[in-house]
Amino acid sequence: MKAIVIGATGATGKHLTEQLLNHPAFSQVTIFVRKPLDISHAKLTVKVIDFDAPEVWAQDVQGDVLFSCLGTTLKQAGSKENQYKIDHTYQYHFAKIAKENGIQHYVLISSEMANADAFTFYAQLKGKLDNDVLALNFPKISIFRPPLLVRENTDRFAEKMAEKFLMFANQLGLFQSARPLPTQKLADAMINAVIQNQTGIVNKQAIWELAK
């Protein structure tokens, strides 16, 4: 299979790209990034693009499966408008191009809180993207709604505090269903979903099963 990854420099995307390159089921991995990377591999193609200029790179979106791992925080984005552009607009437009180019399987990292009718901006944003990409009618689509993620070297303070609390509670036998998920495990699950044809909304319980 030929895989495409956007968000390949993020916490999950880095692990996913590395695992795809080492997986025998994938013969080619193309990543679309905003800045040049010092990385090389016989199976890897790096496309440096401007996500605001799809007319330049749309024809290069070719393959069998698209993994969409883009994501940012409000603090990093600087405004809700910028966060919406990165977390929704860029991912939706890329998915639309992929569908038009005949890509068969779309895999998206969403959020456990995703709900287009939610009160909070982030949950609305994720829920709207889920609904919009589902409406594209890919032959196969897998939308991952993971629990709290354990990211290496994260600077997300609230996330770190929640992670510490949940891990402590888990040791006491509490909140087992909400145990934090390492990004490496999420990458494992995404690849296994493609191999095993796991489609639809993939919730945290199914993610843990796929990650084994």
Protein backbone atom coordinates (compact mmCIF):
# COMPACT_ATOMS: atom_id res chain seq x y z
CA MET A 1 0.00 0.00 0.00
CA LYS A 2 0.95 3.61 -0.52
CA ALA A 3 0.33 5.86 2.48
CA ILE A 4 0.01 9.64 2.79
CA VAL A 5 0.44 11.47 6.09
CA ILE A 6 -0.36 15.06 7.01
CA GLY A 7 0.67 16.19 10.47
CA ALA A 8 3.75 13.96 10.28
CA THR A 9 5.79 16.21 12.59
CA GLY A 10 3.25 16.11 15.43
CA ALA A 11 3.27 13.89 18.50
CA THR A 12 1.32 11.05 16.89
CA GLY A 13 2.34 11.76 13.30
CA LYS A 14 6.03 11.23 14.04
CA HIS A 15 5.41 7.77 15.48
CA LEU A 16 2.97 6.92 12.73
CA THR A 17 5.41 7.87 9.96
CA GLU A 18 8.22 5.87 11.52
CA GLN A 19 6.01 2.83 11.94
CA LEU A 20 4.68 3.06 8.39
CA LEU A 21 8.24 3.18 7.03
CA ASN A 22 9.09 0.02 8.95
CA HIS A 23 5.86 -1.83 8.13
CA PRO A 24 6.02 -4.43 5.34
CA ALA A 25 2.47 -3.70 4.21
CA PHE A 26 3.42 -0.19 3.09
CA SER A 27 5.66 0.22 0.05
CA GLN A 28 5.66 4.02 -0.06
CA VAL A 29 5.03 6.81 2.46
CA THR A 30 4.50 10.42 1.34
CA ILE A 31 4.33 13.16 3.95
CA PHE A 32 3.08 16.68 3.26
CA VAL A 33 4.76 19.24 5.54
CA ARG A 34 5.10 23.01 5.79
CA LYS A 35 8.86 23.07 6.41
CA PRO A 36 11.75 20.97 5.06
CA LEU A 37 12.77 18.01 7.24
CA ASP A 38 16.16 16.42 7.74
CA ILE A 39 14.92 12.89 7.20
CA SER A 40 15.50 10.27 4.53
CA HIS A 41 14.33 6.72 3.89
CA ALA A 42 14.09 4.58 0.79
CA LYS A 43 10.29 4.45 1.11
CA LEU A 44 9.80 8.12 2.06
CA THR A 45 8.83 11.09 -0.11
CA VAL A 46 8.65 14.53 1.52
CA LYS A 47 6.45 17.21 -0.06
CA VAL A 48 6.93 20.74 1.31
CA ILE A 49 3.71 22.64 0.65
CA ASP A 50 1.66 25.71 1.44
CA PHE A 51 -1.67 24.37 2.68
CA ASP A 52 -3.28 27.60 1.46
CA ALA A 53 -2.31 26.83 -2.14
CA PRO A 54 -3.83 23.42 -2.96
CA GLU A 55 -3.78 24.18 -6.69
CA VAL A 56 0.01 23.71 -6.56
CA TRP A 57 0.10 20.28 -4.90
CA ALA A 58 -3.35 18.69 -5.33
CA GLN A 59 -2.15 16.42 -8.15
CA ASP A 60 0.50 14.95 -5.82
CA VAL A 61 -2.09 13.55 -3.38
CA GLN A 62 -1.93 10.00 -4.69
CA GLY A 63 -2.02 6.73 -2.79
CA ASP A 64 -4.21 4.16 -1.09
CA VAL A 65 -4.69 5.57 2.41
CA LEU A 66 -4.53 9.06 3.92
CA PHE A 67 -3.66 9.48 7.59
CA SER A 68 -4.70 12.91 8.90
CA CYS A 69 -2.85 13.86 12.09
CA LEU A 70 -2.90 17.65 11.95
CA GLY A 71 -3.79 19.45 15.15
CA THR A 72 -2.88 22.40 17.31
CA THR A 73 -3.90 24.17 20.50
CA LEU A 74 -5.51 27.56 20.88
CA LYS A 75 -2.32 28.80 22.55
CA GLN A 76 -0.14 27.61 19.69
CA ALA A 77 -2.52 28.88 17.01
CA GLY A 78 -2.92 32.29 18.60
CA SER A 79 -6.62 32.61 17.85
CA LYS A 80 -9.74 30.53 17.31
CA GLU A 81 -9.66 31.50 13.63
CA ASN A 82 -6.16 30.08 13.18
CA GLN A 83 -6.98 26.95 15.14
CA TYR A 84 -10.06 26.40 13.00
CA LYS A 85 -7.98 26.81 9.85
CA ILE A 86 -5.44 24.17 10.95
CA ASP A 87 -7.76 21.72 12.67
CA HIS A 88 -10.65 21.93 10.22
CA THR A 89 -10.05 23.83 6.97
CA TYR A 90 -6.67 22.33 6.06
CA GLN A 91 -7.70 18.81 6.96
CA TYR A 92 -11.07 19.01 5.22
CA HIS A 93 -9.64 20.46 2.00
CA PHE A 94 -6.90 17.84 1.95
CA ALA A 95 -9.45 15.07 2.52
CA LYS A 96 -11.66 16.43 -0.26
CA ILE A 97 -8.73 16.41 -2.69
CA ALA A 98 -7.82 12.88 -1.60
CA LYS A 99 -11.38 11.69 -2.28
CA GLU A 100 -11.39 13.36 -5.69
CA ASN A 101 -8.06 11.67 -6.48
CA GLY A 102 -9.44 8.23 -5.69
CA ILE A 103 -7.86 7.49 -2.32
CA GLN A 104 -9.81 4.62 -0.82
CA HIS A 105 -9.25 4.86 2.94
CA TYR A 106 -9.20 7.98 5.11
CA VAL A 107 -7.98 7.82 8.73
CA LEU A 108 -8.52 10.83 10.99
CA ILE A 109 -7.47 11.62 14.55
CA SER A 110 -10.44 13.33 16.14
CA SER A 111 -11.27 13.75 19.84
CA GLU A 112 -13.24 11.83 22.42
CA MET A 113 -15.17 15.09 23.01
CA ALA A 114 -16.03 15.66 19.33
CA ASN A 115 -19.58 16.94 18.98
CA ALA A 116 -20.71 19.59 16.51
CA ASP A 117 -23.45 20.64 18.96
CA ALA A 118 -21.18 20.86 22.00
CA PHE A 119 -20.83 23.98 24.12
CA THR A 120 -17.05 24.27 23.86
CA PHE A 121 -15.26 25.54 20.76
CA TYR A 122 -12.79 22.63 20.55
CA ALA A 123 -15.45 19.92 20.78
CA GLN A 124 -17.56 21.75 18.17
CA LEU A 125 -14.56 22.08 15.88
CA LYS A 126 -13.70 18.39 16.04
CA GLY A 127 -17.33 17.34 15.68
CA LYS A 128 -17.84 19.51 12.62
CA LEU A 129 -14.75 18.08 10.94
CA ASP A 130 -15.95 14.54 11.67
CA ASN A 131 -19.32 15.30 10.08
CA ASP A 132 -17.80 17.05 7.07
CA VAL A 133 -15.34 14.28 6.18
CA LEU A 134 -18.01 11.62 6.67
CA ALA A 135 -20.09 13.50 4.09
CA LEU A 136 -17.28 13.05 1.53
CA ASN A 137 -18.26 9.36 1.37
CA PHE A 138 -14.85 7.72 1.21
CA PRO A 139 -15.10 4.00 0.40
CA LYS A 140 -13.50 3.45 3.84
CA ILE A 141 -13.17 5.94 6.68
CA SER A 142 -11.84 5.48 10.22
CA ILE A 143 -12.33 8.32 12.71
CA PHE A 144 -10.34 7.86 15.90
CA ARG A 145 -11.69 9.39 19.08
CA PRO A 146 -8.92 8.68 21.58
CA PRO A 147 -8.86 9.43 25.32
CA LEU A 148 -6.27 11.80 26.80
CA LEU A 149 -3.00 11.29 24.92
CA VAL A 150 0.41 10.85 26.51
CA ARG A 151 2.68 13.02 24.36
CA GLU A 152 6.45 13.03 24.68
CA ASN A 153 7.90 16.38 25.83
CA THR A 154 4.49 18.08 25.76
CA ASP A 155 4.17 21.70 26.88
CA ARG A 156 0.42 21.42 27.35
CA PHE A 157 0.12 22.14 31.09
CA ALA A 158 -3.51 21.10 31.57
CA GLU A 159 -2.89 17.91 29.64
CA LYS A 160 0.14 17.05 31.78
CA MET A 161 -1.82 17.62 34.99
CA ALA A 162 -4.73 15.49 33.78
CA GLU A 163 -2.32 12.77 32.72
CA LYS A 164 -0.66 12.67 36.15
CA PHE A 165 -4.03 12.58 37.91
CA LEU A 166 -5.40 9.78 35.74
CA MET A 167 -2.26 7.69 35.99
CA PHE A 168 -2.32 8.00 39.78
CA ALA A 169 -6.02 7.12 39.84
CA ASN A 170 -5.42 4.16 37.51
CA GLN A 171 -2.84 2.78 39.95
CA LEU A 172 -5.56 2.82 42.60
CA GLY A 173 -7.92 0.98 40.26
CA LEU A 174 -9.97 4.08 39.45
CA PHE A 175 -11.04 5.51 36.07
CA GLN A 176 -9.62 2.53 34.19
CA SER A 177 -11.78 3.30 31.16
CA ALA A 178 -10.18 6.75 30.93
CA ARG A 179 -6.55 5.72 31.16
CA PRO A 180 -4.26 7.94 29.06
CA LEU A 181 -3.14 6.57 25.71
CA PRO A 182 0.49 6.92 24.55
CA THR A 183 0.77 8.41 21.07
CA GLN A 184 2.81 5.38 19.99
CA LYS A 185 -0.19 3.19 20.79
CA LEU A 186 -2.51 5.45 18.83
CA ALA A 187 -0.18 5.13 15.82
CA ASP A 188 -0.22 1.33 16.22
CA ALA A 189 -4.01 1.35 16.28
CA MET A 190 -4.31 3.54 13.19
CA ILE A 191 -2.13 1.24 11.14
CA ASN A 192 -3.90 -1.87 12.41
CA ALA A 193 -7.27 -0.31 11.55
CA VAL A 194 -6.16 -0.09 7.93
CA ILE A 195 -4.75 -3.63 7.91
CA GLN A 196 -7.88 -5.04 9.57
CA ASN A 197 -10.40 -2.83 7.73
CA GLN A 198 -11.72 -1.29 10.95
CA THR A 199 -13.93 1.58 9.80
CA GLY A 200 -16.40 4.05 11.25
CA ILE A 201 -16.05 5.84 14.59
CA VAL A 202 -13.26 4.14 16.56
CA ASN A 203 -13.73 4.86 20.27
CA LYS A 204 -11.17 4.50 23.06
CA GLN A 205 -12.01 0.89 23.88
CA ALA A 206 -11.61 -0.16 20.24
CA ILE A 207 -8.38 1.86 20.01
CA TRP A 208 -6.83 -0.02 22.92
CA GLU A 209 -7.84 -3.30 21.29
CA LEU A 210 -6.34 -2.29 17.94
CA ALA A 211 -3.14 -1.12 19.62
CA LYS A 212 -2.32 -4.59 20.96
